[in-house]
PDB file of N, CA and C in Angstrom:
ATOM      1  N   UNK A   1      14.700 -27.722  -1.914  1.00  0.00           N
ATOM      2  CA  UNK A   1      13.416 -27.461  -1.362  1.00  0.00           C
ATOM      3  C   UNK A   1      12.985 -26.061  -1.777  1.00  0.00           C
ATOM      4  N   UNK A   2      11.718 -25.920  -2.052  1.00  0.00           N
ATOM      5  CA  UNK A   2      11.178 -24.633  -2.483  1.00  0.00           C
ATOM      6  C   UNK A   2       9.937 -24.326  -1.665  1.00  0.00           C
ATOM      7  N   UNK A   3       9.859 -23.125  -1.153  1.00  0.00           N
ATOM      8  CA  UNK A   3       8.703 -22.684  -0.380  1.00  0.00           C
ATOM      9  C   UNK A   3       7.783 -21.903  -1.296  1.00  0.00           C
ATOM     10  N   UNK A   4       6.536 -22.301  -1.329  1.00  0.00           N
ATOM     11  CA  UNK A   4       5.548 -21.601  -2.135  1.00  0.00           C
ATOM     12  C   UNK A   4       4.573 -20.928  -1.169  1.00  0.00           C
ATOM     13  N   UNK A   5       4.537 -19.596  -1.231  1.00  0.00           N
ATOM     14  CA  UNK A   5       3.669 -18.811  -0.357  1.00  0.00           C
ATOM     15  C   UNK A   5       2.671 -18.078  -1.242  1.00  0.00           C
ATOM     16  N   UNK A   6       1.379 -18.209  -0.957  1.00  0.00           N
ATOM     17  CA  UNK A   6       0.399 -17.465  -1.760  1.00  0.00           C
ATOM     18  C   UNK A   6       0.739 -15.975  -1.771  1.00  0.00           C
ATOM     19  N   UNK A   7       0.570 -15.324  -2.911  1.00  0.00           N
ATOM     20  CA  UNK A   7       0.952 -13.924  -3.054  1.00  0.00           C
ATOM     21  C   UNK A   7       0.238 -13.012  -2.061  1.00  0.00           C
ATOM     22  N   UNK A   8      -1.027 -13.257  -1.810  1.00  0.00           N
ATOM     23  CA  UNK A   8      -1.757 -12.382  -0.896  1.00  0.00           C
ATOM     24  C   UNK A   8      -1.211 -12.501   0.516  1.00  0.00           C
ATOM     25  N   UNK A   9      -0.731 -13.680   0.894  1.00  0.00           N
ATOM     26  CA  UNK A   9      -0.124 -13.854   2.205  1.00  0.00           C
ATOM     27  C   UNK A   9       1.201 -13.114   2.267  1.00  0.00           C
ATOM     28  N   UNK A  10       1.971 -13.179   1.207  1.00  0.00           N
ATOM     29  CA  UNK A  10       3.262 -12.518   1.159  1.00  0.00           C
ATOM     30  C   UNK A  10       3.115 -11.010   1.352  1.00  0.00           C
ATOM     31  N   UNK A  11       2.136 -10.407   0.717  1.00  0.00           N
ATOM     32  CA  UNK A  11       1.894  -8.969   0.876  1.00  0.00           C
ATOM     33  C   UNK A  11       1.649  -8.642   2.340  1.00  0.00           C
ATOM     34  N   UNK A  12       0.841  -9.438   3.000  1.00  0.00           N
ATOM     35  CA  UNK A  12       0.556  -9.214   4.416  1.00  0.00           C
ATOM     36  C   UNK A  12       1.775  -9.405   5.292  1.00  0.00           C
ATOM     37  N   UNK A  13       2.536 -10.453   5.025  1.00  0.00           N
ATOM     38  CA  UNK A  13       3.718 -10.747   5.834  1.00  0.00           C
ATOM     39  C   UNK A  13       4.773  -9.660   5.733  1.00  0.00           C
ATOM     40  N   UNK A  14       4.977  -9.166   4.533  1.00  0.00           N
ATOM     41  CA  UNK A  14       6.015  -8.161   4.311  1.00  0.00           C
ATOM     42  C   UNK A  14       5.719  -6.873   5.080  1.00  0.00           C
ATOM     43  N   UNK A  15       4.456  -6.514   5.198  1.00  0.00           N
ATOM     44  CA  UNK A  15       4.117  -5.230   5.811  1.00  0.00           C
ATOM     45  C   UNK A  15       3.575  -5.345   7.237  1.00  0.00           C
ATOM     46  N   UNK A  16       3.409  -6.539   7.738  1.00  0.00           N
ATOM     47  CA  UNK A  16       2.808  -6.704   9.060  1.00  0.00           C
ATOM     48  C   UNK A  16       3.568  -5.968  10.156  1.00  0.00           C
ATOM     49  N   UNK A  17       4.847  -6.255  10.325  1.00  0.00           N
ATOM     50  CA  UNK A  17       5.612  -5.600  11.377  1.00  0.00           C
ATOM     51  C   UNK A  17       5.854  -4.123  11.112  1.00  0.00           C
ATOM     52  N   UNK A  18       6.256  -3.734   9.895  1.00  0.00           N
ATOM     53  CA  UNK A  18       6.421  -2.293   9.672  1.00  0.00           C
ATOM     54  C   UNK A  18       5.150  -1.511   9.984  1.00  0.00           C
ATOM     55  N   UNK A  19       3.996  -2.065   9.647  1.00  0.00           N
ATOM     56  CA  UNK A  19       2.743  -1.382   9.935  1.00  0.00           C
ATOM     57  C   UNK A  19       2.525  -1.265  11.440  1.00  0.00           C
ATOM     58  N   UNK A  20       2.894  -2.285  12.151  1.00  0.00           N
ATOM     59  CA  UNK A  20       2.745  -2.279  13.614  1.00  0.00           C
ATOM     60  C   UNK A  20       3.528  -1.125  14.246  1.00  0.00           C
ATOM     61  N   UNK A  21       4.701  -0.835  13.708  1.00  0.00           N
ATOM     62  CA  UNK A  21       5.557   0.213  14.272  1.00  0.00           C
ATOM     63  C   UNK A  21       5.431   1.560  13.562  1.00  0.00           C
ATOM     64  N   UNK A  22       4.549   1.667  12.595  1.00  0.00           N
ATOM     65  CA  UNK A  22       4.444   2.888  11.802  1.00  0.00           C
ATOM     66  C   UNK A  22       3.513   3.943  12.405  1.00  0.00           C
ATOM     67  N   UNK A  23       2.852   3.612  13.478  1.00  0.00           N
ATOM     68  CA  UNK A  23       1.931   4.569  14.098  1.00  0.00           C
ATOM     69  C   UNK A  23       2.658   5.878  14.408  1.00  0.00           C
ATOM     70  N   UNK A  24       2.078   6.971  13.953  1.00  0.00           N
ATOM     71  CA  UNK A  24       2.654   8.286  14.206  1.00  0.00           C
ATOM     72  C   UNK A  24       3.834   8.638  13.307  1.00  0.00           C
ATOM     73  N   UNK A  25       4.101   7.812  12.303  1.00  0.00           N
ATOM     74  CA  UNK A  25       5.246   8.016  11.420  1.00  0.00           C
ATOM     75  C   UNK A  25       4.781   8.263   9.983  1.00  0.00           C
ATOM     76  N   UNK A  26       4.433   9.498   9.641  1.00  0.00           N
ATOM     77  CA  UNK A  26       3.880   9.759   8.314  1.00  0.00           C
ATOM     78  C   UNK A  26       4.826   9.377   7.178  1.00  0.00           C
ATOM     79  N   UNK A  27       6.127   9.561   7.340  1.00  0.00           N
ATOM     80  CA  UNK A  27       7.061   9.213   6.269  1.00  0.00           C
ATOM     81  C   UNK A  27       7.045   7.706   6.005  1.00  0.00           C
ATOM     82  N   UNK A  28       6.957   6.921   7.046  1.00  0.00           N
ATOM     83  CA  UNK A  28       6.908   5.464   6.893  1.00  0.00           C
ATOM     84  C   UNK A  28       5.604   5.053   6.223  1.00  0.00           C
ATOM     85  N   UNK A  29       4.511   5.655   6.628  1.00  0.00           N
ATOM     86  CA  UNK A  29       3.212   5.321   6.038  1.00  0.00           C
ATOM     87  C   UNK A  29       3.153   5.738   4.570  1.00  0.00           C
ATOM     88  N   UNK A  30       3.739   6.863   4.243  1.00  0.00           N
ATOM     89  CA  UNK A  30       3.796   7.287   2.836  1.00  0.00           C
ATOM     90  C   UNK A  30       4.584   6.270   2.010  1.00  0.00           C
ATOM     91  N   UNK A  31       5.702   5.831   2.551  1.00  0.00           N
ATOM     92  CA  UNK A  31       6.525   4.870   1.821  1.00  0.00           C
ATOM     93  C   UNK A  31       5.803   3.532   1.660  1.00  0.00           C
ATOM     94  N   UNK A  32       5.048   3.139   2.668  1.00  0.00           N
ATOM     95  CA  UNK A  32       4.284   1.898   2.572  1.00  0.00           C
ATOM     96  C   UNK A  32       3.228   2.009   1.476  1.00  0.00           C
ATOM     97  N   UNK A  33       2.559   3.144   1.400  1.00  0.00           N
ATOM     98  CA  UNK A  33       1.564   3.356   0.348  1.00  0.00           C
ATOM     99  C   UNK A  33       2.229   3.307  -1.023  1.00  0.00           C
ATOM    100  N   UNK A  34       3.419   3.886  -1.136  1.00  0.00           N
ATOM    101  CA  UNK A  34       4.149   3.862  -2.394  1.00  0.00           C
ATOM    102  C   UNK A  34       4.591   2.441  -2.740  1.00  0.00           C
ATOM    103  N   UNK A  35       5.033   1.692  -1.754  1.00  0.00           N
ATOM    104  CA  UNK A  35       5.425   0.303  -1.982  1.00  0.00           C
ATOM    105  C   UNK A  35       4.244  -0.523  -2.495  1.00  0.00           C
ATOM    106  N   UNK A  36       3.077  -0.330  -1.911  1.00  0.00           N
ATOM    107  CA  UNK A  36       1.892  -1.053  -2.365  1.00  0.00           C
ATOM    108  C   UNK A  36       1.560  -0.696  -3.816  1.00  0.00           C
ATOM    109  N   UNK A  37       1.700   0.579  -4.156  1.00  0.00           N
ATOM    110  CA  UNK A  37       1.472   1.003  -5.539  1.00  0.00           C
ATOM    111  C   UNK A  37       2.472   0.333  -6.479  1.00  0.00           C
ATOM    112  N   UNK A  38       3.722   0.240  -6.063  1.00  0.00           N
ATOM    113  CA  UNK A  38       4.746  -0.386  -6.901  1.00  0.00           C
ATOM    114  C   UNK A  38       4.463  -1.873  -7.098  1.00  0.00           C
ATOM    115  N   UNK A  39       4.006  -2.548  -6.044  1.00  0.00           N
ATOM    116  CA  UNK A  39       3.635  -3.961  -6.177  1.00  0.00           C
ATOM    117  C   UNK A  39       2.455  -4.089  -7.134  1.00  0.00           C
ATOM    118  N   UNK A  40       1.478  -3.206  -6.999  1.00  0.00           N
ATOM    119  CA  UNK A  40       0.309  -3.237  -7.888  1.00  0.00           C
ATOM    120  C   UNK A  40       0.727  -3.067  -9.340  1.00  0.00           C
ATOM    121  N   UNK A  41       1.678  -2.220  -9.576  1.00  0.00           N
ATOM    122  CA  UNK A  41       2.155  -1.948 -10.934  1.00  0.00           C
ATOM    123  C   UNK A  41       2.816  -3.178 -11.549  1.00  0.00           C
ATOM    124  N   UNK A  42       3.540  -3.932 -10.724  1.00  0.00           N
ATOM    125  CA  UNK A  42       4.326  -5.056 -11.238  1.00  0.00           C
ATOM    126  C   UNK A  42       3.624  -6.400 -11.190  1.00  0.00           C
ATOM    127  N   UNK A  43       2.620  -6.534 -10.363  1.00  0.00           N
ATOM    128  CA  UNK A  43       1.939  -7.823 -10.194  1.00  0.00           C
ATOM    129  C   UNK A  43       1.077  -8.142 -11.415  1.00  0.00           C
ATOM    130  N   UNK A  44       0.965  -9.422 -11.746  1.00  0.00           N
ATOM    131  CA  UNK A  44       0.054  -9.792 -12.832  1.00  0.00           C
ATOM    132  C   UNK A  44      -1.372  -9.333 -12.494  1.00  0.00           C
ATOM    133  N   UNK A  45      -2.101  -8.828 -13.467  1.00  0.00           N
ATOM    134  CA  UNK A  45      -3.451  -8.306 -13.212  1.00  0.00           C
ATOM    135  C   UNK A  45      -4.332  -9.298 -12.453  1.00  0.00           C
ATOM    136  N   UNK A  46      -4.979  -8.786 -11.420  1.00  0.00           N
ATOM    137  CA  UNK A  46      -5.947  -9.565 -10.666  1.00  0.00           C
ATOM    138  C   UNK A  46      -5.382 -10.522  -9.636  1.00  0.00           C
ATOM    139  N   UNK A  47      -4.057 -10.613  -9.503  1.00  0.00           N
ATOM    140  CA  UNK A  47      -3.489 -11.622  -8.605  1.00  0.00           C
ATOM    141  C   UNK A  47      -3.465 -11.208  -7.140  1.00  0.00           C
ATOM    142  N   UNK A  48      -3.204  -9.950  -6.870  1.00  0.00           N
ATOM    143  CA  UNK A  48      -3.090  -9.510  -5.476  1.00  0.00           C
ATOM    144  C   UNK A  48      -3.923  -8.261  -5.188  1.00  0.00           C
ATOM    145  N   UNK A  49      -4.851  -7.951  -6.049  1.00  0.00           N
ATOM    146  CA  UNK A  49      -5.631  -6.719  -5.905  1.00  0.00           C
ATOM    147  C   UNK A  49      -6.284  -6.597  -4.530  1.00  0.00           C
ATOM    148  N   UNK A  50      -6.985  -7.627  -4.107  1.00  0.00           N
ATOM    149  CA  UNK A  50      -7.702  -7.574  -2.821  1.00  0.00           C
ATOM    150  C   UNK A  50      -6.726  -7.393  -1.662  1.00  0.00           C
ATOM    151  N   UNK A  51      -5.620  -8.117  -1.689  1.00  0.00           N
ATOM    152  CA  UNK A  51      -4.624  -7.997  -0.624  1.00  0.00           C
ATOM    153  C   UNK A  51      -4.042  -6.588  -0.574  1.00  0.00           C
ATOM    154  N   UNK A  52      -3.778  -6.004  -1.730  1.00  0.00           N
ATOM    155  CA  UNK A  52      -3.237  -4.643  -1.768  1.00  0.00           C
ATOM    156  C   UNK A  52      -4.246  -3.635  -1.258  1.00  0.00           C
ATOM    157  N   UNK A  53      -5.498  -3.787  -1.660  1.00  0.00           N
ATOM    158  CA  UNK A  53      -6.551  -2.892  -1.155  1.00  0.00           C
ATOM    159  C   UNK A  53      -6.674  -3.004   0.366  1.00  0.00           C
ATOM    160  N   UNK A  54      -6.688  -4.220   0.858  1.00  0.00           N
ATOM    161  CA  UNK A  54      -6.830  -4.433   2.304  1.00  0.00           C
ATOM    162  C   UNK A  54      -5.670  -3.822   3.076  1.00  0.00           C
ATOM    163  N   UNK A  55      -4.458  -4.051   2.584  1.00  0.00           N
ATOM    164  CA  UNK A  55      -3.288  -3.532   3.291  1.00  0.00           C
ATOM    165  C   UNK A  55      -3.238  -2.007   3.195  1.00  0.00           C
ATOM    166  N   UNK A  56      -3.597  -1.448   2.044  1.00  0.00           N
ATOM    167  CA  UNK A  56      -3.619   0.015   1.933  1.00  0.00           C
ATOM    168  C   UNK A  56      -4.671   0.603   2.869  1.00  0.00           C
ATOM    169  N   UNK A  57      -5.784  -0.068   3.009  1.00  0.00           N
ATOM    170  CA  UNK A  57      -6.817   0.401   3.940  1.00  0.00           C
ATOM    171  C   UNK A  57      -6.233   0.495   5.349  1.00  0.00           C
ATOM    172  N   UNK A  58      -5.433  -0.480   5.744  1.00  0.00           N
ATOM    173  CA  UNK A  58      -4.791  -0.450   7.062  1.00  0.00           C
ATOM    174  C   UNK A  58      -3.829   0.735   7.176  1.00  0.00           C
ATOM    175  N   UNK A  59      -3.075   0.986   6.119  1.00  0.00           N
ATOM    176  CA  UNK A  59      -2.124   2.106   6.105  1.00  0.00           C
ATOM    177  C   UNK A  59      -2.876   3.433   6.198  1.00  0.00           C
ATOM    178  N   UNK A  60      -3.922   3.581   5.401  1.00  0.00           N
ATOM    179  CA  UNK A  60      -4.711   4.818   5.397  1.00  0.00           C
ATOM    180  C   UNK A  60      -5.369   5.041   6.763  1.00  0.00           C
ATOM    181  N   UNK A  61      -5.956   4.003   7.311  1.00  0.00           N
ATOM    182  CA  UNK A  61      -6.604   4.131   8.623  1.00  0.00           C
ATOM    183  C   UNK A  61      -5.609   4.523   9.708  1.00  0.00           C
ATOM    184  N   UNK A  62      -4.443   3.894   9.706  1.00  0.00           N
ATOM    185  CA  UNK A  62      -3.430   4.218  10.703  1.00  0.00           C
ATOM    186  C   UNK A  62      -2.942   5.653  10.529  1.00  0.00           C
ATOM    187  N   UNK A  63      -2.764   6.080   9.295  1.00  0.00           N
ATOM    188  CA  UNK A  63      -2.344   7.463   9.040  1.00  0.00           C
ATOM    189  C   UNK A  63      -3.394   8.443   9.553  1.00  0.00           C
ATOM    190  N   UNK A  64      -4.666   8.132   9.332  1.00  0.00           N
ATOM    191  CA  UNK A  64      -5.743   9.019   9.794  1.00  0.00           C
ATOM    192  C   UNK A  64      -5.780   9.094  11.321  1.00  0.00           C
ATOM    193  N   UNK A  65      -5.532   7.978  11.969  1.00  0.00           N
ATOM    194  CA  UNK A  65      -5.603   7.915  13.429  1.00  0.00           C
ATOM    195  C   UNK A  65      -4.384   8.509  14.129  1.00  0.00           C
ATOM    196  N   UNK A  66      -3.206   8.398  13.501  1.00  0.00           N
ATOM    197  CA  UNK A  66      -1.994   8.681  14.264  1.00  0.00           C
ATOM    198  C   UNK A  66      -1.103   9.783  13.691  1.00  0.00           C
ATOM    199  N   UNK A  67      -1.505  10.385  12.576  1.00  0.00           N
ATOM    200  CA  UNK A  67      -0.669  11.439  11.985  1.00  0.00           C
ATOM    201  C   UNK A  67      -1.529  12.619  11.564  1.00  0.00           C
ATOM    202  N   UNK A  68      -0.859  13.640  11.098  1.00  0.00           N
ATOM    203  CA  UNK A  68      -1.568  14.815  10.590  1.00  0.00           C
ATOM    204  C   UNK A  68      -1.679  14.804   9.075  1.00  0.00           C
ATOM    205  N   UNK A  69      -1.507  13.644   8.459  1.00  0.00           N
ATOM    206  CA  UNK A  69      -1.691  13.591   7.011  1.00  0.00           C
ATOM    207  C   UNK A  69      -3.121  14.000   6.695  1.00  0.00           C
ATOM    208  N   UNK A  70      -3.278  14.684   5.597  1.00  0.00           N
ATOM    209  CA  UNK A  70      -4.606  15.172   5.236  1.00  0.00           C
ATOM    210  C   UNK A  70      -5.428  14.070   4.577  1.00  0.00           C
ATOM    211  N   UNK A  71      -6.717  14.267   4.603  1.00  0.00           N
ATOM    212  CA  UNK A  71      -7.607  13.335   3.913  1.00  0.00           C
ATOM    213  C   UNK A  71      -7.282  13.308   2.421  1.00  0.00           C
ATOM    214  N   UNK A  72      -6.954  14.448   1.878  1.00  0.00           N
ATOM    215  CA  UNK A  72      -6.599  14.551   0.466  1.00  0.00           C
ATOM    216  C   UNK A  72      -5.351  13.712   0.149  1.00  0.00           C
ATOM    217  N   UNK A  73      -4.357  13.790   1.002  1.00  0.00           N
ATOM    218  CA  UNK A  73      -3.145  13.001   0.780  1.00  0.00           C
ATOM    219  C   UNK A  73      -3.454  11.509   0.859  1.00  0.00           C
ATOM    220  N   UNK A  74      -4.195  11.115   1.881  1.00  0.00           N
ATOM    221  CA  UNK A  74      -4.536   9.695   2.032  1.00  0.00           C
ATOM    222  C   UNK A  74      -5.356   9.208   0.846  1.00  0.00           C
ATOM    223  N   UNK A  75      -6.236  10.036   0.344  1.00  0.00           N
ATOM    224  CA  UNK A  75      -7.032   9.669  -0.836  1.00  0.00           C
ATOM    225  C   UNK A  75      -6.127   9.514  -2.054  1.00  0.00           C
ATOM    226  N   UNK A  76      -5.086  10.340  -2.145  1.00  0.00           N
ATOM    227  CA  UNK A  76      -4.164  10.228  -3.278  1.00  0.00           C
ATOM    228  C   UNK A  76      -3.446   8.882  -3.270  1.00  0.00           C
ATOM    229  N   UNK A  77      -3.208   8.308  -2.101  1.00  0.00           N
ATOM    230  CA  UNK A  77      -2.602   6.977  -2.022  1.00  0.00           C
ATOM    231  C   UNK A  77      -3.547   5.944  -2.630  1.00  0.00           C
ATOM    232  N   UNK A  78      -4.828   6.089  -2.336  1.00  0.00           N
ATOM    233  CA  UNK A  78      -5.827   5.149  -2.869  1.00  0.00           C
ATOM    234  C   UNK A  78      -5.951   5.288  -4.386  1.00  0.00           C
ATOM    235  N   UNK A  79      -5.957   6.517  -4.863  1.00  0.00           N
ATOM    236  CA  UNK A  79      -6.055   6.765  -6.308  1.00  0.00           C
ATOM    237  C   UNK A  79      -4.824   6.204  -7.018  1.00  0.00           C
ATOM    238  N   UNK A  80      -3.656   6.401  -6.436  1.00  0.00           N
ATOM    239  CA  UNK A  80      -2.423   5.895  -7.042  1.00  0.00           C
ATOM    240  C   UNK A  80      -2.444   4.369  -7.118  1.00  0.00           C
ATOM    241  N   UNK A  81      -2.939   3.705  -6.086  1.00  0.00           N
ATOM    242  CA  UNK A  81      -3.031   2.247  -6.112  1.00  0.00           C
ATOM    243  C   UNK A  81      -3.990   1.797  -7.205  1.00  0.00           C
ATOM    244  N   UNK A  82      -5.146   2.426  -7.269  1.00  0.00           N
ATOM    245  CA  UNK A  82      -6.127   2.079  -8.308  1.00  0.00           C
ATOM    246  C   UNK A  82      -5.543   2.272  -9.695  1.00  0.00           C
ATOM    247  N   UNK A  83      -4.836   3.364  -9.889  1.00  0.00           N
ATOM    248  CA  UNK A  83      -4.217   3.639 -11.197  1.00  0.00           C
ATOM    249  C   UNK A  83      -3.208   2.558 -11.558  1.00  0.00           C
ATOM    250  N   UNK A  84      -2.375   2.183 -10.601  1.00  0.00           N
ATOM    251  CA  UNK A  84      -1.368   1.154 -10.859  1.00  0.00           C
ATOM    252  C   UNK A  84      -2.022  -0.181 -11.190  1.00  0.00           C
ATOM    253  N   UNK A  85      -3.114  -0.497 -10.514  1.00  0.00           N
ATOM    254  CA  UNK A  85      -3.802  -1.766 -10.768  1.00  0.00           C
ATOM    255  C   UNK A  85      -4.361  -1.850 -12.190  1.00  0.00           C
ATOM    256  N   UNK A  86      -4.685  -0.695 -12.774  1.00  0.00           N
ATOM    257  CA  UNK A  86      -5.192  -0.719 -14.143  1.00  0.00           C
ATOM    258  C   UNK A  86      -4.096  -0.391 -15.164  1.00  0.00           C
ATOM    259  N   UNK A  87      -2.850  -0.296 -14.672  1.00  0.00           N
ATOM    260  CA  UNK A  87      -1.732  -0.126 -15.583  1.00  0.00           C
ATOM    261  C   UNK A  87      -1.340   1.303 -15.889  1.00  0.00           C
ATOM    262  N   UNK A  88      -1.778   2.232 -15.061  1.00  0.00           N
ATOM    263  CA  UNK A  88      -1.434   3.651 -15.266  1.00  0.00           C
ATOM    264  C   UNK A  88      -0.494   4.080 -14.152  1.00  0.00           C
ATOM    265  N   UNK A  89       0.649   4.590 -14.541  1.00  0.00           N
ATOM    266  CA  UNK A  89       1.627   5.065 -13.561  1.00  0.00           C
ATOM    267  C   UNK A  89       1.573   6.588 -13.540  1.00  0.00           C
ATOM    268  N   UNK A  90       1.183   7.184 -12.389  1.00  0.00           N
ATOM    269  CA  UNK A  90       1.094   8.651 -12.327  1.00  0.00           C
ATOM    270  C   UNK A  90       2.444   9.320 -12.577  1.00  0.00           C
ATOM    271  N   UNK A  91       2.389  10.500 -13.137  1.00  0.00           N
ATOM    272  CA  UNK A  91       3.612  11.238 -13.445  1.00  0.00           C
ATOM    273  C   UNK A  91       4.342  11.690 -12.180  1.00  0.00           C
ATOM    274  N   UNK A  92       3.602  11.953 -11.122  1.00  0.00           N
ATOM    275  CA  UNK A  92       4.241  12.401  -9.890  1.00  0.00           C
ATOM    276  C   UNK A  92       3.920  11.456  -8.751  1.00  0.00           C
ATOM    277  N   UNK A  93       4.769  11.482  -7.739  1.00  0.00           N
ATOM    278  CA  UNK A  93       4.575  10.619  -6.581  1.00  0.00           C
ATOM    279  C   UNK A  93       3.369  11.060  -5.779  1.00  0.00           C
ATOM    280  N   UNK A  94       2.604  10.084  -5.238  1.00  0.00           N
ATOM    281  CA  UNK A  94       1.479  10.467  -4.385  1.00  0.00           C
ATOM    282  C   UNK A  94       1.962  11.009  -3.058  1.00  0.00           C
ATOM    283  N   UNK A  95       1.155  11.929  -2.510  1.00  0.00           N
ATOM    284  CA  UNK A  95       1.381  12.460  -1.173  1.00  0.00           C
ATOM    285  C   UNK A  95       2.751  12.857  -0.908  1.00  0.00           C
TER     286      UNK A  95
END
């Protein structure tokens, strides 16, 4: 038997609980943003872009609400995701 789960659902499932418990945890939120960038880098072009954007938006919003991460740092997570989606891997880690 083989279970086939749409990729966009898988992205949501993998991060649903960690995101729930990540409030006030900047290190966890940073790692989640990095994980999303890594998925973007490895995923076939156009397959999970919307899901990654949506999930990163949740991470960024939670970081803004519950941590002292700067707007600049949170923006760097978004830029890193966009770069990975177009096939560019930044030389340094975001945030």
